[in-house]
Amino acid sequence: MAVALVVAAGRGERLGASGPKAFVTVAGRPLLEWSLDALRAAPSIASVVVAVPPGVEYPGAVAGGEHRSASVRNALASASAGADDVVLVHDAARPLLTVQLVEACVAGLAGFDAVVAAAPVTDTIKEAGADRVVRRTLDRSALWAVQTPQVFRRDVLARALAQEDAVLAAATDDAGLVEALGGHVGVVPAPRENLKVTTPLDLRVAELLLRERGAG
């Protein structure tokens, strides 16, 4: 069994939201609620802890931090350990999470310190400097677009989050912190539809997909 930590402390500035992003309505419900449905229905998840912006009240939630990894750290500190000491981290901004993906990620942890849900990159990716001059074209066959859930051995995640705040603030995901410490990180294939809502366009696409899922 695993404990799930849901990061819901984003401010939603790029979305243009008037309040916290996780509470923006999509397909008739707050963004956060869609992920919670999947996590609560997943057989491998024993409990869920949600990190919300400081000052926001939500049943059973903890206050998030100044940056993403600080929010994860706060949630982890209040989470009970599962039987196998496994921790799943998910962004509330990814409302198209499914029970199947949750279970695949938890099962995929075997043999790793951490695993990430990720989709194969389909675009051609070029590396360029600040001058916008292309330096090289990357081999996309070896590239993955990382998503959440990300699943960790609890002691590994705790060690990664115990680093100084400057290190945590610079991290774009928690698995990257584990990787930088020499951890063994694996990939679990995930659908591209497990998108992150960042912009108004993302919100419209998520709305369409969620309504389509409900109609099916």
N, C-alpha and C. Protein backbone atom coordinates (compact mmCIF):
# COMPACT_ATOMS: atom_id res chain seq x y z
N MET A 1 0.84 -1.20 0.00
CA MET A 1 0.00 0.00 0.00
C MET A 1 0.87 1.25 0.00
N ALA A 2 0.30 2.35 -0.47
CA ALA A 2 1.05 3.59 -0.58
C ALA A 2 0.24 4.75 -0.02
N VAL A 3 0.92 5.80 0.35
CA VAL A 3 0.27 7.05 0.71
C VAL A 3 0.46 8.00 -0.47
N ALA A 4 -0.59 8.74 -0.82
CA ALA A 4 -0.53 9.68 -1.94
C ALA A 4 -0.47 11.11 -1.42
N LEU A 5 0.44 11.88 -1.98
CA LEU A 5 0.56 13.30 -1.67
C LEU A 5 0.13 14.08 -2.90
N VAL A 6 -0.86 14.95 -2.74
CA VAL A 6 -1.35 15.73 -3.87
C VAL A 6 -0.93 17.18 -3.69
N VAL A 7 -0.16 17.67 -4.65
CA VAL A 7 0.34 19.05 -4.59
C VAL A 7 -0.71 19.96 -5.22
N ALA A 8 -1.33 20.79 -4.39
CA ALA A 8 -2.42 21.66 -4.85
C ALA A 8 -2.21 23.10 -4.39
N ALA A 9 -0.94 23.49 -4.28
CA ALA A 9 -0.62 24.80 -3.72
C ALA A 9 -0.27 25.84 -4.78
N GLY A 10 -0.44 25.49 -6.07
CA GLY A 10 -0.10 26.44 -7.13
C GLY A 10 -1.03 27.64 -7.14
N ARG A 11 -0.47 28.79 -7.52
CA ARG A 11 -1.25 30.03 -7.52
C ARG A 11 -2.05 30.25 -8.80
N GLY A 12 -1.70 29.58 -9.88
CA GLY A 12 -2.47 29.70 -11.11
C GLY A 12 -2.26 30.99 -11.86
N GLU A 13 -1.09 31.61 -11.70
CA GLU A 13 -0.85 32.90 -12.35
C GLU A 13 -0.86 32.79 -13.87
N ARG A 14 -0.20 31.75 -14.42
CA ARG A 14 -0.18 31.60 -15.88
C ARG A 14 -1.54 31.20 -16.43
N LEU A 15 -2.38 30.65 -15.58
CA LEU A 15 -3.73 30.29 -15.99
C LEU A 15 -4.64 31.51 -15.99
N GLY A 16 -4.21 32.57 -15.30
CA GLY A 16 -5.04 33.76 -15.20
C GLY A 16 -6.18 33.58 -14.22
N ALA A 17 -6.02 32.65 -13.28
CA ALA A 17 -7.09 32.37 -12.31
C ALA A 17 -7.12 33.43 -11.22
N SER A 18 -8.31 33.66 -10.67
CA SER A 18 -8.45 34.64 -9.59
C SER A 18 -8.11 34.06 -8.23
N GLY A 19 -7.95 32.73 -8.17
CA GLY A 19 -7.60 32.06 -6.92
C GLY A 19 -6.67 30.90 -7.20
N PRO A 20 -6.44 30.04 -6.21
CA PRO A 20 -5.55 28.89 -6.38
C PRO A 20 -5.97 28.00 -7.55
N LYS A 21 -5.00 27.57 -8.34
CA LYS A 21 -5.30 26.80 -9.55
C LYS A 21 -6.09 25.53 -9.26
N ALA A 22 -5.76 24.84 -8.18
CA ALA A 22 -6.39 23.55 -7.90
C ALA A 22 -7.89 23.66 -7.66
N PHE A 23 -8.38 24.88 -7.43
CA PHE A 23 -9.79 25.06 -7.14
C PHE A 23 -10.55 25.72 -8.28
N VAL A 24 -9.88 25.88 -9.42
CA VAL A 24 -10.55 26.36 -10.62
C VAL A 24 -11.51 25.28 -11.11
N THR A 25 -12.68 25.68 -11.55
CA THR A 25 -13.68 24.71 -12.00
C THR A 25 -13.38 24.23 -13.41
N VAL A 26 -13.40 22.91 -13.58
CA VAL A 26 -13.25 22.28 -14.89
C VAL A 26 -14.25 21.14 -14.99
N ALA A 27 -15.03 21.14 -16.06
CA ALA A 27 -16.09 20.13 -16.24
C ALA A 27 -17.00 20.06 -15.02
N GLY A 28 -17.27 21.22 -14.44
CA GLY A 28 -18.24 21.31 -13.36
C GLY A 28 -17.74 21.05 -11.97
N ARG A 29 -16.43 20.79 -11.81
CA ARG A 29 -15.89 20.49 -10.49
C ARG A 29 -14.53 21.16 -10.32
N PRO A 30 -14.08 21.37 -9.08
CA PRO A 30 -12.73 21.89 -8.87
C PRO A 30 -11.69 20.93 -9.46
N LEU A 31 -10.66 21.49 -10.04
CA LEU A 31 -9.59 20.70 -10.67
C LEU A 31 -9.09 19.59 -9.76
N LEU A 32 -8.88 19.91 -8.50
CA LEU A 32 -8.35 18.97 -7.51
C LEU A 32 -9.19 17.71 -7.38
N GLU A 33 -10.51 17.86 -7.44
CA GLU A 33 -11.39 16.74 -7.15
C GLU A 33 -11.25 15.59 -8.14
N TRP A 34 -10.89 15.90 -9.38
CA TRP A 34 -10.75 14.83 -10.37
C TRP A 34 -9.61 13.88 -9.99
N SER A 35 -8.49 14.42 -9.57
CA SER A 35 -7.36 13.57 -9.15
C SER A 35 -7.70 12.78 -7.90
N LEU A 36 -8.38 13.43 -6.97
CA LEU A 36 -8.74 12.73 -5.73
C LEU A 36 -9.65 11.54 -6.01
N ASP A 37 -10.55 11.67 -6.96
CA ASP A 37 -11.42 10.54 -7.32
C ASP A 37 -10.59 9.32 -7.72
N ALA A 38 -9.61 9.55 -8.60
CA ALA A 38 -8.79 8.44 -9.09
C ALA A 38 -7.96 7.83 -7.97
N LEU A 39 -7.37 8.67 -7.14
CA LEU A 39 -6.52 8.16 -6.06
C LEU A 39 -7.33 7.38 -5.02
N ARG A 40 -8.50 7.88 -4.67
CA ARG A 40 -9.32 7.21 -3.67
C ARG A 40 -9.90 5.89 -4.19
N ALA A 41 -9.99 5.76 -5.51
CA ALA A 41 -10.51 4.53 -6.09
C ALA A 41 -9.41 3.51 -6.36
N ALA A 42 -8.16 3.91 -6.25
CA ALA A 42 -7.04 3.01 -6.57
C ALA A 42 -6.78 2.04 -5.41
N PRO A 43 -6.76 0.74 -5.66
CA PRO A 43 -6.57 -0.24 -4.60
C PRO A 43 -5.26 -0.10 -3.84
N SER A 44 -4.21 0.43 -4.48
CA SER A 44 -2.90 0.51 -3.82
C SER A 44 -2.74 1.71 -2.91
N ILE A 45 -3.70 2.64 -2.92
CA ILE A 45 -3.56 3.87 -2.14
C ILE A 45 -4.31 3.73 -0.82
N ALA A 46 -3.56 3.82 0.28
CA ALA A 46 -4.14 3.66 1.61
C ALA A 46 -4.68 4.98 2.16
N SER A 47 -4.03 6.10 1.82
CA SER A 47 -4.46 7.40 2.33
C SER A 47 -3.95 8.49 1.40
N VAL A 48 -4.57 9.67 1.53
CA VAL A 48 -4.22 10.81 0.67
C VAL A 48 -4.02 12.05 1.53
N VAL A 49 -2.95 12.78 1.27
CA VAL A 49 -2.69 14.07 1.93
C VAL A 49 -2.60 15.13 0.85
N VAL A 50 -3.32 16.23 1.04
CA VAL A 50 -3.34 17.32 0.06
C VAL A 50 -2.62 18.53 0.65
N ALA A 51 -1.74 19.14 -0.14
CA ALA A 51 -1.06 20.38 0.26
C ALA A 51 -1.68 21.54 -0.50
N VAL A 52 -2.25 22.49 0.23
CA VAL A 52 -2.93 23.64 -0.38
C VAL A 52 -2.18 24.92 -0.03
N PRO A 53 -2.48 26.03 -0.71
CA PRO A 53 -1.79 27.29 -0.39
C PRO A 53 -2.04 27.69 1.06
N PRO A 54 -1.04 28.28 1.72
CA PRO A 54 -1.24 28.75 3.09
C PRO A 54 -2.44 29.69 3.17
N GLY A 55 -3.28 29.48 4.17
CA GLY A 55 -4.46 30.32 4.35
C GLY A 55 -5.71 29.78 3.70
N VAL A 56 -5.56 28.76 2.85
CA VAL A 56 -6.72 28.13 2.20
C VAL A 56 -7.18 26.95 3.04
N GLU A 57 -8.47 26.89 3.30
CA GLU A 57 -9.01 25.80 4.10
C GLU A 57 -9.57 24.71 3.20
N TYR A 58 -9.15 23.47 3.48
CA TYR A 58 -9.66 22.31 2.76
C TYR A 58 -9.59 21.14 3.73
N PRO A 59 -10.65 20.34 3.82
CA PRO A 59 -10.69 19.27 4.83
C PRO A 59 -9.47 18.34 4.78
N GLY A 60 -8.79 18.24 5.92
CA GLY A 60 -7.67 17.32 6.05
C GLY A 60 -6.39 17.75 5.36
N ALA A 61 -6.38 18.94 4.78
CA ALA A 61 -5.20 19.39 4.03
C ALA A 61 -4.15 20.01 4.93
N VAL A 62 -2.91 20.07 4.41
CA VAL A 62 -1.82 20.76 5.09
C VAL A 62 -1.42 21.96 4.26
N ALA A 63 -0.76 22.91 4.89
CA ALA A 63 -0.32 24.11 4.19
C ALA A 63 0.89 23.80 3.33
N GLY A 64 0.87 24.25 2.09
CA GLY A 64 2.00 24.07 1.21
C GLY A 64 3.11 25.05 1.52
N GLY A 65 4.18 24.98 0.75
CA GLY A 65 5.33 25.85 0.96
C GLY A 65 5.48 26.89 -0.12
N GLU A 66 6.64 27.55 -0.13
CA GLU A 66 6.90 28.61 -1.09
C GLU A 66 7.15 28.08 -2.50
N HIS A 67 7.50 26.80 -2.60
CA HIS A 67 7.73 26.20 -3.91
C HIS A 67 7.23 24.76 -3.85
N ARG A 68 7.23 24.11 -5.01
CA ARG A 68 6.60 22.80 -5.14
C ARG A 68 7.17 21.76 -4.17
N SER A 69 8.48 21.61 -4.15
CA SER A 69 9.08 20.57 -3.32
C SER A 69 8.88 20.84 -1.83
N ALA A 70 8.78 22.11 -1.46
CA ALA A 70 8.48 22.43 -0.05
C ALA A 70 7.07 21.97 0.30
N SER A 71 6.15 22.07 -0.65
CA SER A 71 4.79 21.57 -0.42
C SER A 71 4.79 20.05 -0.25
N VAL A 72 5.57 19.37 -1.08
CA VAL A 72 5.68 17.91 -0.96
C VAL A 72 6.28 17.55 0.40
N ARG A 73 7.28 18.27 0.81
CA ARG A 73 7.92 18.01 2.10
C ARG A 73 6.92 18.18 3.25
N ASN A 74 6.10 19.23 3.20
CA ASN A 74 5.11 19.44 4.24
C ASN A 74 4.09 18.31 4.27
N ALA A 75 3.65 17.88 3.09
CA ALA A 75 2.67 16.81 3.02
C ALA A 75 3.27 15.50 3.53
N LEU A 76 4.51 15.23 3.15
CA LEU A 76 5.17 13.99 3.59
C LEU A 76 5.30 13.95 5.11
N ALA A 77 5.58 15.09 5.71
CA ALA A 77 5.76 15.14 7.16
C ALA A 77 4.49 14.76 7.92
N SER A 78 3.33 14.95 7.28
CA SER A 78 2.07 14.64 7.96
C SER A 78 1.46 13.33 7.50
N ALA A 79 2.15 12.63 6.60
CA ALA A 79 1.59 11.40 6.02
C ALA A 79 1.98 10.18 6.83
N SER A 80 1.01 9.30 7.02
CA SER A 80 1.30 8.03 7.68
C SER A 80 2.00 7.12 6.68
N ALA A 81 2.87 6.27 7.18
CA ALA A 81 3.61 5.36 6.31
C ALA A 81 2.73 4.18 5.91
N GLY A 82 2.81 3.78 4.64
CA GLY A 82 2.08 2.62 4.18
C GLY A 82 2.82 1.34 4.56
N ALA A 83 2.18 0.23 4.34
CA ALA A 83 2.77 -1.05 4.72
C ALA A 83 4.12 -1.27 4.03
N ASP A 84 4.23 -0.80 2.81
CA ASP A 84 5.48 -0.98 2.07
C ASP A 84 6.31 0.29 2.02
N ASP A 85 5.89 1.32 2.78
CA ASP A 85 6.64 2.57 2.85
C ASP A 85 6.81 3.19 1.46
N VAL A 86 5.74 3.24 0.71
CA VAL A 86 5.74 3.78 -0.64
C VAL A 86 4.96 5.09 -0.66
N VAL A 87 5.49 6.08 -1.37
CA VAL A 87 4.86 7.40 -1.45
C VAL A 87 4.64 7.77 -2.91
N LEU A 88 3.40 8.13 -3.23
CA LEU A 88 3.07 8.62 -4.57
C LEU A 88 2.84 10.12 -4.50
N VAL A 89 3.42 10.85 -5.42
CA VAL A 89 3.25 12.31 -5.50
C VAL A 89 2.55 12.65 -6.81
N HIS A 90 1.49 13.45 -6.71
CA HIS A 90 0.75 13.82 -7.92
C HIS A 90 0.39 15.30 -7.87
N ASP A 91 0.42 15.94 -9.04
CA ASP A 91 0.04 17.34 -9.16
C ASP A 91 -1.46 17.44 -9.38
N ALA A 92 -2.13 18.27 -8.58
CA ALA A 92 -3.57 18.47 -8.76
C ALA A 92 -3.88 19.06 -10.13
N ALA A 93 -2.88 19.68 -10.75
CA ALA A 93 -3.07 20.29 -12.07
C ALA A 93 -3.17 19.26 -13.19
N ARG A 94 -3.09 17.97 -12.87
CA ARG A 94 -3.26 16.90 -13.87
C ARG A 94 -4.55 16.15 -13.55
N PRO A 95 -5.70 16.68 -14.00
CA PRO A 95 -7.00 16.12 -13.61
C PRO A 95 -7.40 14.85 -14.35
N LEU A 96 -6.64 14.47 -15.38
CA LEU A 96 -7.01 13.30 -16.17
C LEU A 96 -6.34 12.02 -15.67
N LEU A 97 -5.88 12.04 -14.44
CA LEU A 97 -5.31 10.85 -13.81
C LEU A 97 -6.33 9.72 -13.81
N THR A 98 -5.83 8.50 -14.01
CA THR A 98 -6.70 7.32 -13.97
C THR A 98 -6.21 6.33 -12.92
N VAL A 99 -7.12 5.49 -12.48
CA VAL A 99 -6.75 4.42 -11.54
C VAL A 99 -5.70 3.52 -12.18
N GLN A 100 -5.83 3.26 -13.47
CA GLN A 100 -4.89 2.38 -14.15
C GLN A 100 -3.47 2.93 -14.11
N LEU A 101 -3.33 4.25 -14.30
CA LEU A 101 -2.00 4.85 -14.26
C LEU A 101 -1.44 4.83 -12.84
N VAL A 102 -2.27 5.09 -11.86
CA VAL A 102 -1.83 5.02 -10.46
C VAL A 102 -1.27 3.63 -10.17
N GLU A 103 -2.02 2.61 -10.52
CA GLU A 103 -1.61 1.24 -10.23
C GLU A 103 -0.35 0.86 -11.00
N ALA A 104 -0.22 1.31 -12.24
CA ALA A 104 0.97 1.01 -13.03
C ALA A 104 2.21 1.64 -12.41
N CYS A 105 2.07 2.86 -11.92
CA CYS A 105 3.22 3.54 -11.32
C CYS A 105 3.64 2.90 -10.00
N VAL A 106 2.69 2.54 -9.17
CA VAL A 106 3.02 1.89 -7.90
C VAL A 106 3.69 0.54 -8.17
N ALA A 107 3.12 -0.24 -9.08
CA ALA A 107 3.71 -1.54 -9.41
C ALA A 107 5.08 -1.38 -10.05
N GLY A 108 5.28 -0.29 -10.80
CA GLY A 108 6.53 -0.08 -11.51
C GLY A 108 7.70 0.27 -10.62
N LEU A 109 7.43 0.58 -9.35
CA LEU A 109 8.51 0.97 -8.43
C LEU A 109 9.47 -0.19 -8.13
N ALA A 110 9.02 -1.40 -8.30
CA ALA A 110 9.87 -2.56 -7.98
C ALA A 110 11.21 -2.46 -8.70
N GLY A 111 12.29 -2.49 -7.93
CA GLY A 111 13.64 -2.43 -8.50
C GLY A 111 14.19 -1.04 -8.66
N PHE A 112 13.40 -0.01 -8.31
CA PHE A 112 13.85 1.38 -8.45
C PHE A 112 13.72 2.12 -7.13
N ASP A 113 14.42 3.26 -7.05
CA ASP A 113 14.22 4.19 -5.93
C ASP A 113 13.02 5.08 -6.17
N ALA A 114 12.74 5.34 -7.45
CA ALA A 114 11.62 6.18 -7.85
C ALA A 114 11.24 5.86 -9.28
N VAL A 115 9.98 6.09 -9.62
CA VAL A 115 9.54 5.98 -11.01
C VAL A 115 8.68 7.18 -11.34
N VAL A 116 8.67 7.55 -12.63
CA VAL A 116 7.87 8.68 -13.08
C VAL A 116 6.95 8.24 -14.21
N ALA A 117 5.73 8.73 -14.19
CA ALA A 117 4.87 8.58 -15.36
C ALA A 117 5.41 9.52 -16.43
N ALA A 118 5.49 9.04 -17.66
CA ALA A 118 6.04 9.86 -18.74
C ALA A 118 5.54 9.37 -20.08
N ALA A 119 5.46 10.30 -21.02
CA ALA A 119 5.03 9.96 -22.38
C ALA A 119 6.19 10.15 -23.34
N PRO A 120 6.34 9.25 -24.31
CA PRO A 120 7.41 9.42 -25.31
C PRO A 120 7.24 10.75 -26.04
N VAL A 121 8.34 11.45 -26.27
CA VAL A 121 8.31 12.71 -27.00
C VAL A 121 8.07 12.43 -28.48
N THR A 122 7.12 13.14 -29.06
CA THR A 122 6.80 12.94 -30.48
C THR A 122 7.26 14.10 -31.36
N ASP A 123 7.52 15.26 -30.77
CA ASP A 123 8.02 16.40 -31.53
C ASP A 123 9.52 16.28 -31.74
N THR A 124 10.01 16.95 -32.77
CA THR A 124 11.45 17.10 -32.93
C THR A 124 11.92 18.14 -31.92
N ILE A 125 12.96 17.83 -31.16
CA ILE A 125 13.46 18.72 -30.11
C ILE A 125 14.84 19.24 -30.49
N LYS A 126 14.99 20.55 -30.49
CA LYS A 126 16.27 21.17 -30.79
C LYS A 126 16.77 21.94 -29.57
N GLU A 127 18.06 21.90 -29.34
CA GLU A 127 18.68 22.64 -28.24
C GLU A 127 19.24 23.95 -28.79
N ALA A 128 18.89 25.06 -28.15
CA ALA A 128 19.38 26.37 -28.57
C ALA A 128 19.79 27.17 -27.35
N GLY A 129 20.70 28.11 -27.54
CA GLY A 129 21.17 28.96 -26.45
C GLY A 129 20.32 30.21 -26.32
N ALA A 130 20.74 31.13 -25.46
CA ALA A 130 20.02 32.38 -25.26
C ALA A 130 19.96 33.20 -26.54
N ASP A 131 20.90 32.96 -27.45
CA ASP A 131 20.91 33.67 -28.73
C ASP A 131 19.97 33.06 -29.76
N ARG A 132 19.27 31.97 -29.37
CA ARG A 132 18.31 31.26 -30.20
C ARG A 132 18.95 30.55 -31.40
N VAL A 133 20.23 30.38 -31.35
CA VAL A 133 20.92 29.63 -32.39
C VAL A 133 20.89 28.15 -32.02
N VAL A 134 20.44 27.31 -32.95
CA VAL A 134 20.33 25.88 -32.70
C VAL A 134 21.72 25.27 -32.57
N ARG A 135 21.93 24.54 -31.50
CA ARG A 135 23.20 23.87 -31.26
C ARG A 135 23.18 22.42 -31.72
N ARG A 136 22.03 21.77 -31.51
CA ARG A 136 21.93 20.38 -31.95
C ARG A 136 20.47 19.94 -31.92
N THR A 137 20.20 18.88 -32.66
CA THR A 137 18.88 18.25 -32.64
C THR A 137 19.01 16.97 -31.83
N LEU A 138 18.15 16.84 -30.82
CA LEU A 138 18.24 15.70 -29.91
C LEU A 138 17.53 14.48 -30.51
N ASP A 139 17.99 13.32 -30.11
CA ASP A 139 17.38 12.06 -30.54
C ASP A 139 16.11 11.82 -29.74
N ARG A 140 14.96 12.07 -30.35
CA ARG A 140 13.72 11.99 -29.59
C ARG A 140 13.35 10.56 -29.19
N SER A 141 13.97 9.56 -29.80
CA SER A 141 13.65 8.18 -29.44
C SER A 141 14.04 7.85 -28.01
N ALA A 142 14.93 8.67 -27.44
CA ALA A 142 15.38 8.45 -26.07
C ALA A 142 14.79 9.47 -25.09
N LEU A 143 13.85 10.30 -25.56
CA LEU A 143 13.32 11.38 -24.73
C LEU A 143 11.91 11.08 -24.25
N TRP A 144 11.65 11.47 -23.01
CA TRP A 144 10.34 11.27 -22.39
C TRP A 144 9.87 12.59 -21.78
N ALA A 145 8.60 12.91 -21.95
CA ALA A 145 8.00 14.08 -21.30
C ALA A 145 7.44 13.62 -19.95
N VAL A 146 8.04 14.12 -18.88
CA VAL A 146 7.71 13.62 -17.54
C VAL A 146 6.41 14.24 -17.02
N GLN A 147 5.63 13.40 -16.36
CA GLN A 147 4.35 13.80 -15.77
C GLN A 147 4.37 13.45 -14.28
N THR A 148 3.20 13.45 -13.69
CA THR A 148 2.96 12.78 -12.41
C THR A 148 1.78 11.85 -12.66
N PRO A 149 1.65 10.78 -11.86
CA PRO A 149 2.30 10.49 -10.59
C PRO A 149 3.79 10.15 -10.72
N GLN A 150 4.48 10.43 -9.60
CA GLN A 150 5.83 9.93 -9.38
C GLN A 150 5.79 9.16 -8.07
N VAL A 151 6.40 7.99 -8.06
CA VAL A 151 6.32 7.11 -6.89
C VAL A 151 7.72 6.87 -6.36
N PHE A 152 7.85 6.87 -5.02
CA PHE A 152 9.15 6.82 -4.36
C PHE A 152 9.16 5.84 -3.20
N ARG A 153 10.36 5.32 -2.92
CA ARG A 153 10.61 4.74 -1.61
C ARG A 153 10.61 5.91 -0.63
N ARG A 154 9.91 5.74 0.46
CA ARG A 154 9.74 6.88 1.37
C ARG A 154 11.08 7.43 1.88
N ASP A 155 12.01 6.56 2.24
CA ASP A 155 13.27 7.05 2.78
C ASP A 155 14.07 7.80 1.72
N VAL A 156 13.93 7.37 0.47
CA VAL A 156 14.63 8.04 -0.63
C VAL A 156 14.06 9.44 -0.84
N LEU A 157 12.74 9.55 -0.86
CA LEU A 157 12.11 10.87 -1.04
C LEU A 157 12.42 11.79 0.13
N ALA A 158 12.37 11.26 1.35
CA ALA A 158 12.67 12.08 2.53
C ALA A 158 14.09 12.62 2.47
N ARG A 159 15.04 11.79 2.04
CA ARG A 159 16.43 12.24 1.93
C ARG A 159 16.57 13.33 0.87
N ALA A 160 15.87 13.17 -0.24
CA ALA A 160 15.95 14.18 -1.30
C ALA A 160 15.36 15.51 -0.85
N LEU A 161 14.28 15.45 -0.05
CA LEU A 161 13.62 16.67 0.40
C LEU A 161 14.28 17.30 1.61
N ALA A 162 15.25 16.62 2.18
CA ALA A 162 15.96 17.16 3.35
C ALA A 162 17.06 18.14 2.95
N GLN A 163 17.25 18.35 1.67
CA GLN A 163 18.28 19.27 1.21
C GLN A 163 17.86 20.72 1.48
N GLU A 164 18.81 21.64 1.35
CA GLU A 164 18.53 23.04 1.66
C GLU A 164 17.50 23.61 0.69
N ASP A 165 16.80 24.65 1.13
CA ASP A 165 15.70 25.20 0.37
C ASP A 165 16.10 25.67 -1.02
N ALA A 166 17.29 26.18 -1.18
CA ALA A 166 17.73 26.67 -2.50
C ALA A 166 17.76 25.54 -3.51
N VAL A 167 18.15 24.35 -3.08
CA VAL A 167 18.17 23.19 -3.96
C VAL A 167 16.75 22.78 -4.32
N LEU A 168 15.88 22.75 -3.33
CA LEU A 168 14.49 22.36 -3.58
C LEU A 168 13.80 23.36 -4.50
N ALA A 169 14.05 24.64 -4.29
CA ALA A 169 13.39 25.67 -5.09
C ALA A 169 13.77 25.59 -6.56
N ALA A 170 14.96 25.10 -6.84
CA ALA A 170 15.44 25.01 -8.23
C ALA A 170 14.94 23.76 -8.94
N ALA A 171 14.37 22.83 -8.20
CA ALA A 171 13.95 21.55 -8.78
C ALA A 171 12.62 21.69 -9.52
N THR A 172 12.50 21.06 -10.68
CA THR A 172 11.25 21.07 -11.42
C THR A 172 10.39 19.85 -11.09
N ASP A 173 11.01 18.81 -10.54
CA ASP A 173 10.24 17.67 -10.06
C ASP A 173 11.04 16.93 -8.99
N ASP A 174 10.34 16.15 -8.19
CA ASP A 174 10.98 15.48 -7.07
C ASP A 174 11.88 14.34 -7.51
N ALA A 175 11.53 13.69 -8.60
CA ALA A 175 12.38 12.62 -9.11
C ALA A 175 13.73 13.16 -9.55
N GLY A 176 13.76 14.41 -10.01
CA GLY A 176 15.02 15.02 -10.38
C GLY A 176 15.94 15.18 -9.19
N LEU A 177 15.37 15.45 -8.03
CA LEU A 177 16.16 15.55 -6.80
C LEU A 177 16.77 14.19 -6.46
N VAL A 178 15.97 13.14 -6.60
CA VAL A 178 16.46 11.78 -6.34
C VAL A 178 17.56 11.41 -7.33
N GLU A 179 17.33 11.73 -8.59
CA GLU A 179 18.31 11.43 -9.63
C GLU A 179 19.63 12.13 -9.36
N ALA A 180 19.57 13.40 -8.93
CA ALA A 180 20.79 14.17 -8.67
C ALA A 180 21.60 13.59 -7.52
N LEU A 181 20.93 12.87 -6.63
CA LEU A 181 21.62 12.23 -5.51
C LEU A 181 22.10 10.82 -5.86
N GLY A 182 21.96 10.44 -7.11
CA GLY A 182 22.42 9.13 -7.55
C GLY A 182 21.38 8.04 -7.48
N GLY A 183 20.13 8.41 -7.26
CA GLY A 183 19.08 7.41 -7.16
C GLY A 183 18.77 6.76 -8.50
N HIS A 184 18.20 5.57 -8.42
CA HIS A 184 17.84 4.77 -9.59
C HIS A 184 16.39 5.09 -9.95
N VAL A 185 16.17 5.84 -11.04
CA VAL A 185 14.84 6.32 -11.41
C VAL A 185 14.38 5.66 -12.70
N GLY A 186 13.16 5.13 -12.69
CA GLY A 186 12.61 4.47 -13.87
C GLY A 186 11.45 5.24 -14.47
N VAL A 187 11.05 4.83 -15.66
CA VAL A 187 9.95 5.45 -16.40
C VAL A 187 8.80 4.47 -16.54
N VAL A 188 7.58 4.97 -16.29
CA VAL A 188 6.36 4.20 -16.53
C VAL A 188 5.61 4.87 -17.67
N PRO A 189 5.42 4.20 -18.81
CA PRO A 189 4.72 4.82 -19.94
C PRO A 189 3.34 5.31 -19.55
N ALA A 190 3.02 6.54 -19.98
CA ALA A 190 1.75 7.16 -19.65
C ALA A 190 1.18 7.84 -20.89
N PRO A 191 -0.13 8.01 -20.95
CA PRO A 191 -0.72 8.66 -22.12
C PRO A 191 -0.46 10.17 -22.11
N ARG A 192 -0.34 10.75 -23.27
CA ARG A 192 -0.14 12.20 -23.37
C ARG A 192 -1.36 12.95 -22.84
N GLU A 193 -2.51 12.28 -22.82
CA GLU A 193 -3.73 12.93 -22.33
C GLU A 193 -3.65 13.28 -20.84
N ASN A 194 -2.70 12.71 -20.14
CA ASN A 194 -2.51 13.02 -18.72
C ASN A 194 -1.82 14.38 -18.61
N LEU A 195 -2.44 15.39 -19.20
CA LEU A 195 -1.81 16.70 -19.34
C LEU A 195 -1.87 17.53 -18.07
N LYS A 196 -0.97 18.52 -18.02
CA LYS A 196 -0.94 19.46 -16.90
C LYS A 196 -1.62 20.75 -17.31
N VAL A 197 -2.55 21.22 -16.50
CA VAL A 197 -3.25 22.46 -16.78
C VAL A 197 -2.39 23.63 -16.30
N THR A 198 -1.86 24.37 -17.26
CA THR A 198 -1.02 25.53 -16.96
C THR A 198 -1.58 26.80 -17.57
N THR A 199 -2.12 26.70 -18.77
CA THR A 199 -2.62 27.85 -19.51
C THR A 199 -4.13 27.72 -19.75
N PRO A 200 -4.79 28.80 -20.17
CA PRO A 200 -6.22 28.69 -20.50
C PRO A 200 -6.50 27.65 -21.57
N LEU A 201 -5.59 27.48 -22.54
CA LEU A 201 -5.78 26.45 -23.56
C LEU A 201 -5.77 25.06 -22.93
N ASP A 202 -4.84 24.81 -22.01
CA ASP A 202 -4.80 23.53 -21.31
C ASP A 202 -6.13 23.26 -20.61
N LEU A 203 -6.67 24.30 -20.00
CA LEU A 203 -7.92 24.15 -19.25
C LEU A 203 -9.07 23.76 -20.19
N ARG A 204 -9.10 24.36 -21.36
CA ARG A 204 -10.16 24.04 -22.32
C ARG A 204 -10.02 22.60 -22.82
N VAL A 205 -8.77 22.19 -23.10
CA VAL A 205 -8.55 20.81 -23.56
C VAL A 205 -8.94 19.81 -22.47
N ALA A 206 -8.54 20.09 -21.22
CA ALA A 206 -8.90 19.20 -20.10
C ALA A 206 -10.41 19.11 -19.95
N GLU A 207 -11.08 20.23 -20.10
CA GLU A 207 -12.55 20.25 -20.00
C GLU A 207 -13.17 19.33 -21.04
N LEU A 208 -12.72 19.42 -22.27
CA LEU A 208 -13.24 18.59 -23.34
C LEU A 208 -12.99 17.11 -23.08
N LEU A 209 -11.76 16.78 -22.65
CA LEU A 209 -11.42 15.38 -22.41
C LEU A 209 -12.19 14.80 -21.23
N LEU A 210 -12.37 15.59 -20.18
CA LEU A 210 -13.10 15.10 -19.02
C LEU A 210 -14.58 14.90 -19.35
N ARG A 211 -15.14 15.80 -20.11
CA ARG A 211 -16.55 15.65 -20.50
C ARG A 211 -16.72 14.46 -21.45
N GLU A 212 -15.74 14.27 -22.32
CA GLU A 212 -15.76 13.11 -23.22
C GLU A 212 -15.67 11.81 -22.42
N ARG A 213 -14.82 11.80 -21.41
CA ARG A 213 -14.69 10.61 -20.56
C ARG A 213 -16.01 10.31 -19.84
N GLY A 214 -16.64 11.38 -19.35
CA GLY A 214 -17.92 11.20 -18.65
C GLY A 214 -19.01 10.70 -19.57
N ALA A 215 -18.97 11.17 -20.82
CA ALA A 215 -20.00 10.75 -21.78
C ALA A 215 -19.80 9.30 -22.19
N GLY A 216 -18.51 8.83 -22.10
CA GLY A 216 -18.22 7.45 -22.50
C GLY A 216 -18.60 6.48 -21.42
